[in-house]
Every structure is written in structure tokens, then in C-alpha cells.
Amino acid sequence: MTVNFRQAATLCVALTICGLLLVPTNFPGLGGDARLTLAVFALATCAWIGTPIDDTYIALGAGLALTATGVISSDTLFGTLGDETVWLLICAFVLAAAVARTGLAGRAAAFLVSGARSVRQLTHLTTAALVVTAFAVPATSGRAALALPVFLALAKVLADRKRLVVMLALLFPTVILLSAVATLIGAGAHLITVSVLWEATGDRIGFTQWLLLGLPLAVASSHLAAELVLLTTTRRADRRGPVRITADQIQEHSEQPVTGPLSSAEARCALLLGTVVALWCSEPLHQAPPAVVALIGAVVAASPALGTVRLKDALKTVPWALLLFMAATMAMGVALADSGAAKWLVSGLPVTVPPWLFLAVVILLSTAAHLILQSRSARSSVLVPLVVAAAVGAGVNPVAAALASTAAAGFCHTLPASAKPVTLFSELPGTPTYTPRDLLRLSAVLAPATAALVLLFALFVWPLLGVPVLNP
């Protein structure tokens, strides 16, 4: 009944908007292409919100409708698939498959976690290990799948301390989601943001610049969240007891070795991954695009002589549906900008508000958007074009506004269905895990805390790193 009511309500909203746009006398000054774009945009957004139809199918339908009506050209629609950010993500998944095949992630996690001597140390060392995985595995769902065996091994070692296991079950997806902002490949939403900024303003954010801006926020928000998870999930007595986890205990529950000398495959993969990350971070020195560096790394990772995974096996791990979704929503963003629809949508907003208030509203809306749009990429597809257009009108730097919106949208912890990592760790047969009540209790303190942190970075930290608040 609830689902049917929601579908009916969103359908009514979409049809009402389309009906109003079809009347020529409504909204004077709005061109034909802009009207068509807004109608398609409204239908797609309502379908994302209120129907069980696959997000990618909806995005492709919207892109096709915009092409068929002449709002965008077929070259624009199909050209988005050749965008370098799409190739960057494809190659990053090939590299991630090579890392997963060798078991390097489990070895690194065991090295860090085995050094913990208290519950708080265990919490923050686990957090540090999860932040590091943002450089090796693209997309939050991939990182959650890679981290799950590590969590299960820890859960078995700590089986006699149930509340600590529940705490770790909540910690893993929380940190995975918040630390994604560390790198450009951390989430598909980041690539959509970069594309929208490039099309709308001509500003291109590279891997190095995103790393410079995103990594400090990822570290700060992840460790802040770790502390909040610890305080809201455990009692003082749970935190007081000592912790002693050895690599041998983790090895008992792991199929791949976590100690001892590196195998030749592990050594090659570690060297390759370190080289690729180093080249990404030093882009200003050699000027090689991150996508080209990733492609070289993917070719080496899948090569018969030096690789650790076959190319056809690695390509099976690539989320092709996500790539098609990104390409289609990039085309929608082009339509919103080129048709003037985005500018018209925000033209009635007050432009005399202080910059800090504008950013605060953007962050607040982006933080709460996961309650309506569950897909992180869909949220950026809807919000970022509007945020960029509104920022230009308000005199706020569109790069700062878009980054703040995308970072704030990384919070999606309220419900088990709010994000795939949260869903994955909430359904673990035979292992204690969190309940919806635990999520709500955490969200009540984590949502305002992370939103305030993003605002703090946007106003005081990012300007020091080259992204001013006001539009230069």
C-alpha cells in the first residue's frame, strides 16, 4: 500500500509539472528546449524516487528522450561514454580486481589491526585501514565487498564480545561511505560532479586537486564518525576491556595468507598499485592524464607475464550499469546547462544571502537528499547542475559549492536501504550486526556533525588549498 501510494504521488507530481510546462503561456521566457529538458528531468527524478524501475534504465530513457527531441545531439549522448572519467573508472576496477585476487587488502588490514591494544585503538586503526582502501578500490560497494571478509574474521575473533562486533559492523560501512570523498574514483557521483563542472563552467578538477581537497575531509570525517559509532554503540564497560587480536587469529578465518613474505604476485601488484597512485598524485609534474595512467596500470595488471588477473575476469567486475548511468546523466547535465533550464530554475532564488548561508543550505539539502533519492549518483545528477547554476547567480564559487554538495551527499546512513554498504553489513546470517534503531541513533548525531564539518572545510580549509568561497 505504501509503495503504491508513493508511486501514485510521484506520478501525479511528474504529470503536473509536465502539464504546466506544456502550456506556452506559463513561465514566460522559458524556451522550448528548456521546457522539454525540465519535463524529462522531472519525469526521471520522480521515477528514481517513486518506482522500482532500475536507475540506469530510467537515465538511459531520459537521455534517449532528450536526443530524440533534439535537445542534445546523438554525438553528445554517445560521446559521454568516451569521457576520460568513464575510462578512469573502468581501468580502476581492473586494478581493483588484481588487488583483490592477490589478497593484499587482507594482509594490510591484519598488519594494522593486530597492533590494537584497546577498543579505541582497534576502532581508529580499522578506520585508517578503510580510508586507505579508497585508493585501491573504486566505488563504495566494491570496497564493502572487499572489506566484508576482514570484518567476518574480526567478528569471529571477538565472538565473546557481541557489542564490539555490532560496533564494527556499523563502523565498516560508515567509514567506507564517508571516506569515499578522498579520491576522484571513490564514487561515481564524483565523476558526475567533475563532468557537470566542466560542462557548465569550464573548470576541470583533476585527480591531484580532488585528492588535495578530499583526503583531509575524508580522514577527519571518518575518524569523527568512528568516535561517534564507538560512543553510540558501546557502553563504557565495553570500551574498558583490553583487546588483543593477533595476525594468527585472523589467519584462522582467512583463506589467503596475511603474514609472512610477499609472494611474487603480491609484490608485483603492490609495486604496480603504488606506482599508479604515485603517478596520479604527481600529475602536475608529468602531465599524463589520470585515465591514461590507469589504462597503463590496467594493461600491466592483466598482462600474461606481469599481471595477476586475466583481463576478461577483471572486466566482469566492472559495473557496466553504473557506467551507462553516469554517461546518461552526464548527457542530462549537458541538456540542463545548454538549454538554459538550470539557469531558469535557480533564477528566482535570492542571490543576496551571505555565502556561508548559501553553502549551509546546499549542504543541508545534500545531506537530507538520501531520504528521497537512494542512489548517490542520482543525487549528484539532480543536485549538482542546480547547485552550480545557483552558485554562479549568488556569487559563490561553483567549484566550492559542487564539492560541498557532493561531500555532504556521502552521508546516507539513516536506513538499511539508504546505501549498498549499509545494506550489505546489515544482513549477515550468524553474525551479530546492527538494527535500524542503531542506525537512527547514529544518524541523529552523525548527520549534523558531518554537515558541520563539510561547511567548516568549505569556508576555512578549502580556501587555503586554492578553492575560495566567492566566485573569482
Protein backbone atom coordinates (compact mmCIF):
# COMPACT_ATOMS: atom_id res chain seq x y z
CA MET A 1 0.00 0.00 0.00
CA THR A 2 2.81 2.44 0.94
CA VAL A 3 4.74 1.66 -2.23
CA ASN A 4 1.63 2.07 -4.39
CA PHE A 5 0.78 5.39 -2.74
CA ARG A 6 4.33 6.63 -3.24
CA GLN A 7 4.29 5.65 -6.89
CA ALA A 8 0.93 7.33 -7.43
CA ALA A 9 2.08 10.50 -5.66
CA THR A 10 5.30 10.81 -7.65
CA LEU A 11 3.41 10.11 -10.90
CA CYS A 12 0.94 12.90 -10.09
CA VAL A 13 3.78 15.30 -9.33
CA ALA A 14 5.58 14.44 -12.57
CA LEU A 15 2.44 14.76 -14.72
CA THR A 16 1.51 18.05 -13.05
CA ILE A 17 4.94 19.52 -13.77
CA CYS A 18 4.84 18.30 -17.37
CA GLY A 19 1.31 19.68 -17.82
CA LEU A 20 2.36 23.11 -16.57
CA LEU A 21 5.40 23.12 -18.85
CA LEU A 22 3.32 22.24 -21.91
CA VAL A 23 1.18 25.39 -21.60
CA PRO A 24 3.02 28.04 -23.66
CA THR A 25 1.72 30.94 -21.57
CA ASN A 26 3.20 29.52 -18.39
CA PHE A 27 6.73 30.50 -17.41
CA PRO A 28 7.41 33.28 -19.94
CA GLY A 29 10.98 33.43 -21.08
CA LEU A 30 11.44 29.67 -20.90
CA GLY A 31 12.45 28.30 -24.31
CA GLY A 32 11.18 25.14 -25.96
CA ASP A 33 14.34 23.12 -25.36
CA ALA A 34 14.38 24.19 -21.72
CA ARG A 35 10.74 23.11 -21.30
CA LEU A 36 11.46 19.70 -22.81
CA THR A 37 14.55 19.32 -20.64
CA LEU A 38 12.69 20.18 -17.45
CA ALA A 39 9.86 17.79 -18.33
CA VAL A 40 12.26 14.91 -18.94
CA PHE A 41 14.24 15.85 -15.83
CA ALA A 42 11.07 15.88 -13.69
CA LEU A 43 9.90 12.52 -15.04
CA ALA A 44 13.30 10.92 -14.47
CA THR A 45 13.63 12.30 -10.93
CA CYS A 46 10.13 11.17 -9.95
CA ALA A 47 10.81 7.74 -11.45
CA TRP A 48 14.05 7.47 -9.44
CA ILE A 49 12.18 8.42 -6.28
CA GLY A 50 8.91 6.54 -6.57
CA THR A 51 9.32 3.50 -8.80
CA PRO A 52 11.26 0.24 -8.55
CA ILE A 53 12.50 0.64 -12.15
CA ASP A 54 16.27 0.31 -12.48
CA ASP A 55 18.04 3.67 -12.16
CA THR A 56 20.16 3.03 -15.25
CA TYR A 57 17.10 2.22 -17.38
CA ILE A 58 15.48 5.50 -16.32
CA ALA A 59 18.63 7.50 -17.07
CA LEU A 60 19.03 5.90 -20.50
CA GLY A 61 15.37 6.61 -21.27
CA ALA A 62 15.83 10.24 -20.27
CA GLY A 63 18.96 10.60 -22.41
CA LEU A 64 17.20 8.99 -25.37
CA ALA A 65 14.20 11.31 -24.97
CA LEU A 66 16.45 14.39 -24.94
CA THR A 67 18.22 13.14 -28.06
CA ALA A 68 15.04 12.22 -29.93
CA THR A 69 13.53 15.66 -29.26
CA GLY A 70 16.67 17.42 -30.47
CA VAL A 71 17.66 18.99 -27.16
CA ILE A 72 21.06 17.29 -27.38
CA SER A 73 22.75 15.62 -30.32
CA SER A 74 23.44 11.91 -30.62
CA ASP A 75 27.15 12.75 -30.53
CA THR A 76 26.64 14.31 -27.09
CA LEU A 77 24.74 11.29 -25.80
CA PHE A 78 27.17 8.67 -27.07
CA GLY A 79 30.24 10.83 -26.57
CA THR A 80 29.79 10.73 -22.79
CA LEU A 81 30.73 7.04 -22.87
CA GLY A 82 34.12 8.06 -24.22
CA ASP A 83 34.70 10.62 -21.48
CA GLU A 84 38.06 10.10 -19.78
CA THR A 85 36.38 9.83 -16.37
CA VAL A 86 34.48 6.76 -17.58
CA TRP A 87 37.72 5.19 -18.78
CA LEU A 88 39.34 6.08 -15.47
CA LEU A 89 36.69 4.14 -13.60
CA ILE A 90 36.88 1.11 -15.92
CA CYS A 91 40.64 0.84 -15.53
CA ALA A 92 40.42 1.42 -11.78
CA PHE A 93 38.10 -1.59 -11.46
CA VAL A 94 40.58 -3.73 -13.41
CA LEU A 95 43.31 -2.68 -10.98
CA ALA A 96 40.99 -3.40 -8.05
CA ALA A 97 40.35 -6.90 -9.39
CA ALA A 98 44.11 -7.51 -9.47
CA VAL A 99 44.44 -6.33 -5.86
CA ALA A 100 41.52 -8.47 -4.70
CA ARG A 101 42.96 -11.56 -6.42
CA THR A 102 46.26 -11.32 -4.52
CA GLY A 103 44.82 -10.76 -1.04
CA LEU A 104 46.91 -7.66 -0.35
CA ALA A 105 43.97 -5.92 1.31
CA GLY A 106 43.61 -8.64 3.96
CA ARG A 107 47.33 -8.63 4.65
CA ALA A 108 47.35 -4.84 5.12
CA ALA A 109 44.28 -4.96 7.39
CA ALA A 110 45.83 -7.68 9.55
CA PHE A 111 49.03 -5.67 9.86
CA LEU A 112 47.15 -2.61 11.14
CA VAL A 113 44.52 -4.26 13.32
CA SER A 114 46.92 -6.62 15.06
CA GLY A 115 48.59 -3.57 16.61
CA ALA A 116 45.48 -2.59 18.60
CA ARG A 117 45.64 -2.94 22.37
CA SER A 118 42.38 -1.19 23.29
CA VAL A 119 38.89 -0.87 21.83
CA ARG A 120 39.50 2.75 20.79
CA GLN A 121 42.78 1.81 19.10
CA LEU A 122 41.02 -1.02 17.25
CA THR A 123 38.31 1.39 16.10
CA HIS A 124 40.68 4.02 14.74
CA LEU A 125 43.18 1.58 13.22
CA THR A 126 40.30 -0.11 11.39
CA THR A 127 39.16 3.33 10.24
CA ALA A 128 42.63 4.14 8.92
CA ALA A 129 42.76 0.85 7.03
CA LEU A 130 39.36 1.50 5.43
CA VAL A 131 40.36 5.03 4.38
CA VAL A 132 43.41 3.61 2.59
CA THR A 133 41.22 1.25 0.54
CA ALA A 134 39.75 4.31 -1.22
CA PHE A 135 42.96 4.44 -3.25
CA ALA A 136 42.79 0.80 -4.33
CA VAL A 137 39.11 0.07 -4.96
CA PRO A 138 36.69 2.39 -6.77
CA ALA A 139 33.06 2.72 -5.68
CA THR A 140 31.79 2.14 -2.16
CA SER A 141 30.03 -1.14 -2.95
CA GLY A 142 33.31 -2.64 -4.21
CA ARG A 143 35.14 -1.56 -1.07
CA ALA A 144 32.39 -3.01 1.11
CA ALA A 145 32.64 -6.37 -0.66
CA LEU A 146 36.43 -6.36 -0.24
CA ALA A 147 36.22 -5.43 3.46
CA LEU A 148 33.50 -7.92 4.39
CA PRO A 149 35.83 -10.95 4.82
CA VAL A 150 38.07 -8.87 7.09
CA PHE A 151 35.10 -7.91 9.24
CA LEU A 152 33.88 -11.52 9.44
CA ALA A 153 37.33 -12.61 10.59
CA LEU A 154 37.33 -9.92 13.30
CA ALA A 155 33.79 -10.88 14.31
CA LYS A 156 34.84 -14.49 14.89
CA VAL A 157 37.87 -13.43 16.93
CA LEU A 158 35.66 -11.15 19.07
CA ALA A 159 32.69 -13.53 19.23
CA ASP A 160 32.55 -13.32 23.03
CA ARG A 161 32.15 -9.50 22.93
CA LYS A 162 28.92 -9.05 21.00
CA ARG A 163 28.63 -5.29 21.38
CA LEU A 164 32.08 -4.78 19.90
CA VAL A 165 31.10 -6.89 16.90
CA VAL A 166 27.97 -4.77 16.40
CA MET A 167 30.10 -1.65 16.68
CA LEU A 168 32.48 -2.91 14.00
CA ALA A 169 29.57 -3.93 11.77
CA LEU A 170 28.37 -0.32 11.87
CA LEU A 171 31.86 1.15 11.64
CA PHE A 172 32.79 -0.56 8.36
CA PRO A 173 30.01 0.84 6.11
CA THR A 174 30.07 4.21 7.88
CA VAL A 175 33.75 4.80 7.17
CA ILE A 176 33.54 3.33 3.66
CA LEU A 177 30.83 5.82 2.73
CA LEU A 178 32.39 8.89 4.34
CA SER A 179 35.95 8.21 3.18
CA ALA A 180 34.93 7.87 -0.46
CA VAL A 181 35.43 11.63 -0.87
CA ALA A 182 39.19 11.06 -0.51
CA THR A 183 39.68 10.27 -4.20
CA LEU A 184 38.11 11.07 -7.55
CA ILE A 185 37.39 7.36 -8.13
CA GLY A 186 35.83 6.94 -4.68
CA ALA A 187 32.27 7.14 -6.07
CA GLY A 188 30.58 7.54 -9.42
CA ALA A 189 28.98 10.71 -8.08
CA HIS A 190 32.41 12.37 -8.04
CA LEU A 191 32.88 11.78 -11.76
CA ILE A 192 29.42 13.19 -12.45
CA THR A 193 30.31 16.29 -10.42
CA VAL A 194 33.55 16.78 -12.35
CA SER A 195 31.71 16.42 -15.65
CA VAL A 196 28.97 18.88 -14.69
CA LEU A 197 31.55 21.46 -13.57
CA TRP A 198 33.47 21.08 -16.81
CA GLU A 199 30.39 21.47 -19.00
CA ALA A 200 28.89 24.34 -17.01
CA THR A 201 31.93 26.42 -16.04
CA GLY A 202 34.97 25.08 -17.86
CA ASP A 203 36.66 24.22 -14.56
CA ARG A 204 38.33 20.80 -14.58
CA ILE A 205 39.12 19.10 -11.27
CA GLY A 206 41.90 16.55 -11.71
CA PHE A 207 42.83 13.58 -9.57
CA THR A 208 45.51 15.50 -7.69
CA GLN A 209 43.33 18.50 -6.88
CA TRP A 210 40.49 16.28 -5.71
CA LEU A 211 42.95 14.35 -3.55
CA LEU A 212 44.26 17.58 -2.02
CA LEU A 213 40.75 18.77 -1.20
CA GLY A 214 39.05 15.48 -0.39
CA LEU A 215 41.62 13.45 1.57
CA PRO A 216 41.79 15.77 4.62
CA LEU A 217 37.98 15.82 4.77
CA ALA A 218 37.83 12.04 4.41
CA VAL A 219 40.30 11.49 7.24
CA ALA A 220 38.62 13.99 9.56
CA SER A 221 35.05 12.82 8.90
CA SER A 222 35.98 9.13 9.09
CA HIS A 223 37.69 9.39 12.46
CA LEU A 224 34.95 11.68 13.79
CA ALA A 225 32.39 9.09 12.68
CA ALA A 226 34.45 6.30 14.24
CA GLU A 227 34.33 8.06 17.59
CA LEU A 228 30.57 8.62 17.30
CA VAL A 229 29.97 4.98 16.32
CA LEU A 230 32.00 3.88 19.32
CA LEU A 231 30.13 6.14 21.74
CA THR A 232 26.61 5.41 20.44
CA THR A 233 27.01 1.64 20.08
CA THR A 234 29.04 0.56 23.11
CA ARG A 235 28.95 1.19 26.82
CA ARG A 236 31.84 2.32 28.98
CA ALA A 237 32.34 -1.22 30.27
CA ASP A 238 32.63 -2.50 26.67
CA ARG A 239 35.32 0.07 25.88
CA ARG A 240 37.27 -0.52 29.08
CA GLY A 241 38.33 -4.10 28.42
CA PRO A 242 41.63 -4.73 26.61
CA VAL A 243 41.79 -6.03 23.04
CA ARG A 244 44.34 -8.48 21.75
CA ILE A 245 43.99 -9.56 18.12
CA THR A 246 46.89 -11.37 16.53
CA ALA A 247 47.59 -12.00 12.87
CA ASP A 248 47.42 -15.74 13.57
CA GLN A 249 43.83 -15.37 14.82
CA ILE A 250 42.85 -13.52 11.65
CA GLN A 251 44.67 -16.13 9.56
CA GLU A 252 42.43 -18.85 11.03
CA HIS A 253 39.46 -17.22 9.31
CA SER A 254 41.16 -16.15 6.09
CA GLU A 255 41.77 -18.29 3.01
CA GLN A 256 44.77 -16.22 1.90
CA PRO A 257 47.96 -15.66 3.90
CA VAL A 258 48.04 -12.48 5.98
CA THR A 259 51.60 -12.87 7.31
CA GLY A 260 54.97 -13.96 6.00
CA PRO A 261 56.91 -12.76 2.97
CA LEU A 262 55.01 -11.44 -0.02
CA SER A 263 54.50 -13.82 -2.91
CA SER A 264 55.80 -12.74 -6.31
CA ALA A 265 52.23 -11.89 -7.41
CA GLU A 266 51.61 -9.81 -4.28
CA ALA A 267 54.91 -7.97 -4.68
CA ARG A 268 54.19 -7.16 -8.34
CA CYS A 269 50.69 -6.00 -7.55
CA ALA A 270 51.82 -3.83 -4.62
CA LEU A 271 54.53 -2.24 -6.79
CA LEU A 272 52.07 -1.61 -9.61
CA LEU A 273 49.42 -0.11 -7.34
CA GLY A 274 51.99 2.11 -5.60
CA THR A 275 53.32 3.30 -8.96
CA VAL A 276 49.85 4.11 -10.31
CA VAL A 277 48.85 6.05 -7.17
CA ALA A 278 52.19 7.91 -7.20
CA LEU A 279 51.67 8.87 -10.86
CA TRP A 280 48.12 10.01 -10.12
CA CYS A 281 49.34 12.19 -7.28
CA SER A 282 52.19 13.68 -9.33
CA GLU A 283 50.06 14.59 -12.35
CA PRO A 284 51.21 18.27 -12.34
CA LEU A 285 54.81 17.10 -12.84
CA HIS A 286 54.40 14.73 -15.80
CA GLN A 287 51.04 15.99 -17.21
CA ALA A 288 49.86 12.46 -18.00
CA PRO A 289 46.03 12.32 -17.59
CA PRO A 290 44.84 10.02 -14.77
CA ALA A 291 42.83 7.95 -17.24
CA VAL A 292 45.96 7.23 -19.30
CA VAL A 293 47.89 6.26 -16.16
CA ALA A 294 45.01 3.99 -15.12
CA LEU A 295 44.90 2.38 -18.56
CA ILE A 296 48.63 1.63 -18.44
CA GLY A 297 48.17 0.13 -14.98
CA ALA A 298 45.21 -1.97 -16.12
CA VAL A 299 47.13 -3.31 -19.13
CA VAL A 300 50.07 -4.30 -16.90
CA ALA A 301 47.76 -5.80 -14.23
CA ALA A 302 46.13 -8.04 -16.83
CA SER A 303 49.27 -8.85 -18.86
CA PRO A 304 50.23 -12.54 -19.19
CA ALA A 305 53.77 -12.00 -17.88
CA LEU A 306 53.37 -9.42 -15.11
CA GLY A 307 49.67 -9.42 -14.30
CA THR A 308 47.75 -11.15 -11.52
CA VAL A 309 44.31 -11.36 -13.18
CA ARG A 310 43.01 -12.19 -16.64
CA LEU A 311 41.50 -9.27 -18.50
CA LYS A 312 38.19 -10.99 -19.16
CA ASP A 313 37.86 -11.85 -15.45
CA ALA A 314 38.72 -8.30 -14.42
CA LEU A 315 36.21 -6.81 -16.86
CA LYS A 316 33.48 -8.90 -15.26
CA THR A 317 33.92 -6.86 -12.08
CA VAL A 318 33.30 -3.55 -13.87
CA PRO A 319 29.82 -2.17 -13.02
CA TRP A 320 28.74 -1.52 -16.58
CA ALA A 321 25.28 -0.43 -15.44
CA LEU A 322 26.89 2.31 -13.32
CA LEU A 323 28.96 3.49 -16.28
CA LEU A 324 25.90 3.68 -18.53
CA PHE A 325 24.06 5.53 -15.77
CA MET A 326 26.92 8.02 -15.46
CA ALA A 327 27.07 8.56 -19.21
CA ALA A 328 23.32 9.16 -19.48
CA THR A 329 23.21 11.53 -16.52
CA MET A 330 26.19 13.44 -17.90
CA ALA A 331 24.12 13.98 -21.05
CA MET A 332 21.21 15.16 -18.90
CA GLY A 333 23.55 17.64 -17.22
CA VAL A 334 24.64 18.98 -20.61
CA ALA A 335 20.98 19.44 -21.57
CA LEU A 336 20.20 21.29 -18.35
CA ALA A 337 23.12 23.67 -18.87
CA ASP A 338 22.91 24.23 -22.64
CA SER A 339 19.13 24.65 -22.81
CA GLY A 340 19.10 27.26 -20.05
CA ALA A 341 16.84 25.10 -17.87
CA ALA A 342 19.21 25.02 -14.89
CA LYS A 343 19.70 28.79 -15.01
CA TRP A 344 15.94 29.35 -15.16
CA LEU A 345 15.29 27.00 -12.24
CA VAL A 346 17.52 28.97 -9.91
CA SER A 347 16.76 32.42 -11.32
CA GLY A 348 14.06 33.06 -8.72
CA LEU A 349 16.23 32.18 -5.75
CA PRO A 350 17.51 35.01 -3.53
CA VAL A 351 21.04 35.93 -4.50
CA THR A 352 21.79 38.36 -1.69
CA VAL A 353 22.24 35.74 1.03
CA PRO A 354 25.69 35.50 2.67
CA PRO A 355 27.98 32.88 1.10
CA TRP A 356 28.13 30.87 4.31
CA LEU A 357 24.32 30.64 4.40
CA PHE A 358 24.17 29.58 0.75
CA LEU A 359 26.70 26.80 1.38
CA ALA A 360 24.91 25.77 4.57
CA VAL A 361 21.62 25.36 2.69
CA VAL A 362 23.34 23.37 -0.08
CA ILE A 363 24.98 21.06 2.46
CA LEU A 364 21.75 20.62 4.40
CA LEU A 365 19.75 19.68 1.29
CA SER A 366 22.51 17.35 0.04
CA THR A 367 22.76 15.62 3.42
CA ALA A 368 19.00 15.02 3.58
CA ALA A 369 18.63 14.03 -0.09
CA HIS A 370 19.39 10.35 0.60
CA LEU A 371 15.98 10.07 2.27
CA ILE A 372 14.38 10.70 -1.14
CA LEU A 373 16.96 9.52 -3.68
CA GLN A 374 18.80 6.39 -2.56
CA SER A 375 21.30 6.37 -5.42
CA ARG A 376 24.31 8.54 -4.65
CA SER A 377 24.95 9.10 -8.36
CA ALA A 378 21.32 10.06 -8.92
CA ARG A 379 21.54 12.60 -6.11
CA SER A 380 24.52 14.28 -7.72
CA SER A 381 22.85 14.14 -11.13
CA VAL A 382 19.87 16.06 -9.76
CA LEU A 383 21.58 18.40 -7.30
CA VAL A 384 24.94 19.39 -8.78
CA PRO A 385 23.68 21.08 -12.00
CA LEU A 386 21.25 23.15 -9.94
CA VAL A 387 23.85 23.93 -7.26
CA VAL A 388 26.38 25.08 -9.87
CA ALA A 389 23.83 27.33 -11.59
CA ALA A 390 22.65 28.79 -8.28
CA ALA A 391 26.22 29.36 -7.09
CA VAL A 392 27.05 31.41 -10.20
CA GLY A 393 23.99 33.58 -9.59
CA ALA A 394 24.80 34.03 -5.89
CA GLY A 395 28.44 34.93 -6.50
CA VAL A 396 29.67 31.75 -4.79
CA ASN A 397 32.48 29.72 -6.33
CA PRO A 398 30.69 26.89 -8.18
CA VAL A 399 33.62 24.52 -7.52
CA ALA A 400 33.28 25.03 -3.76
CA ALA A 401 29.50 24.62 -3.91
CA ALA A 402 29.65 21.48 -6.05
CA LEU A 403 32.32 19.89 -3.85
CA ALA A 404 30.36 20.72 -0.71
CA SER A 405 27.19 19.21 -2.16
CA THR A 406 28.96 16.03 -3.29
CA ALA A 407 30.80 15.60 0.01
CA ALA A 408 27.61 16.13 2.04
CA ALA A 409 25.75 13.62 -0.14
CA GLY A 410 28.19 10.98 1.12
CA PHE A 411 26.11 10.76 4.28
CA CYS A 412 23.50 8.05 3.71
CA HIS A 413 23.25 6.09 6.97
CA THR A 414 19.70 6.64 8.16
CA LEU A 415 18.09 3.44 6.89
CA PRO A 416 19.44 -0.01 5.93
CA ALA A 417 18.33 0.64 2.34
CA SER A 418 19.99 4.07 2.15
CA ALA A 419 23.23 2.70 0.65
CA LYS A 420 24.53 -0.64 -0.58
CA PRO A 421 27.34 -0.94 2.03
CA VAL A 422 24.81 -0.29 4.82
CA THR A 423 22.52 -2.96 3.39
CA LEU A 424 25.38 -5.45 2.98
CA PHE A 425 26.57 -5.22 6.59
CA SER A 426 23.03 -5.26 7.99
CA GLU A 427 22.31 -8.73 6.57
CA LEU A 428 24.91 -11.14 7.93
CA PRO A 429 23.48 -14.53 8.93
CA GLY A 430 25.13 -15.96 12.02
CA THR A 431 26.96 -12.72 12.85
CA PRO A 432 25.72 -10.02 15.27
CA THR A 433 25.02 -6.77 13.43
CA TYR A 434 23.19 -3.51 13.87
CA THR A 435 19.46 -2.83 13.80
CA PRO A 436 17.52 0.05 12.20
CA ARG A 437 17.34 1.59 15.68
CA ASP A 438 21.16 1.61 15.88
CA LEU A 439 21.29 3.40 12.53
CA LEU A 440 18.79 6.04 13.60
CA ARG A 441 20.64 6.66 16.86
CA LEU A 442 23.91 7.12 14.99
CA SER A 443 22.35 9.29 12.26
CA ALA A 444 20.88 11.67 14.83
CA VAL A 445 24.39 12.76 15.83
CA LEU A 446 26.41 11.90 12.71
CA ALA A 447 24.29 13.86 10.20
CA PRO A 448 24.69 17.29 11.88
CA ALA A 449 28.32 16.53 12.75
CA THR A 450 29.35 15.66 9.18
CA ALA A 451 27.33 18.54 7.70
CA ALA A 452 29.04 20.99 10.05
CA LEU A 453 32.44 19.51 9.16
CA VAL A 454 31.82 19.92 5.42
CA LEU A 455 30.75 23.53 5.98
CA LEU A 456 33.89 24.13 8.05
CA PHE A 457 36.08 22.79 5.23
CA ALA A 458 34.23 24.78 2.55
CA LEU A 459 34.57 28.06 4.48
CA PHE A 460 38.02 27.79 6.07
CA VAL A 461 40.09 24.83 4.78
CA TRP A 462 39.45 24.68 1.04
CA PRO A 463 40.18 28.40 0.54
CA LEU A 464 43.67 27.70 1.91
CA LEU A 465 44.00 24.94 -0.69
CA GLY A 466 43.05 27.08 -3.67
CA VAL A 467 39.25 26.94 -3.73
CA PRO A 468 37.87 30.29 -2.47
CA VAL A 469 34.32 30.69 -1.27
CA LEU A 470 33.50 33.61 -3.55
CA ASN A 471 33.43 33.27 -7.32
CA PRO A 472 36.82 34.54 -8.57
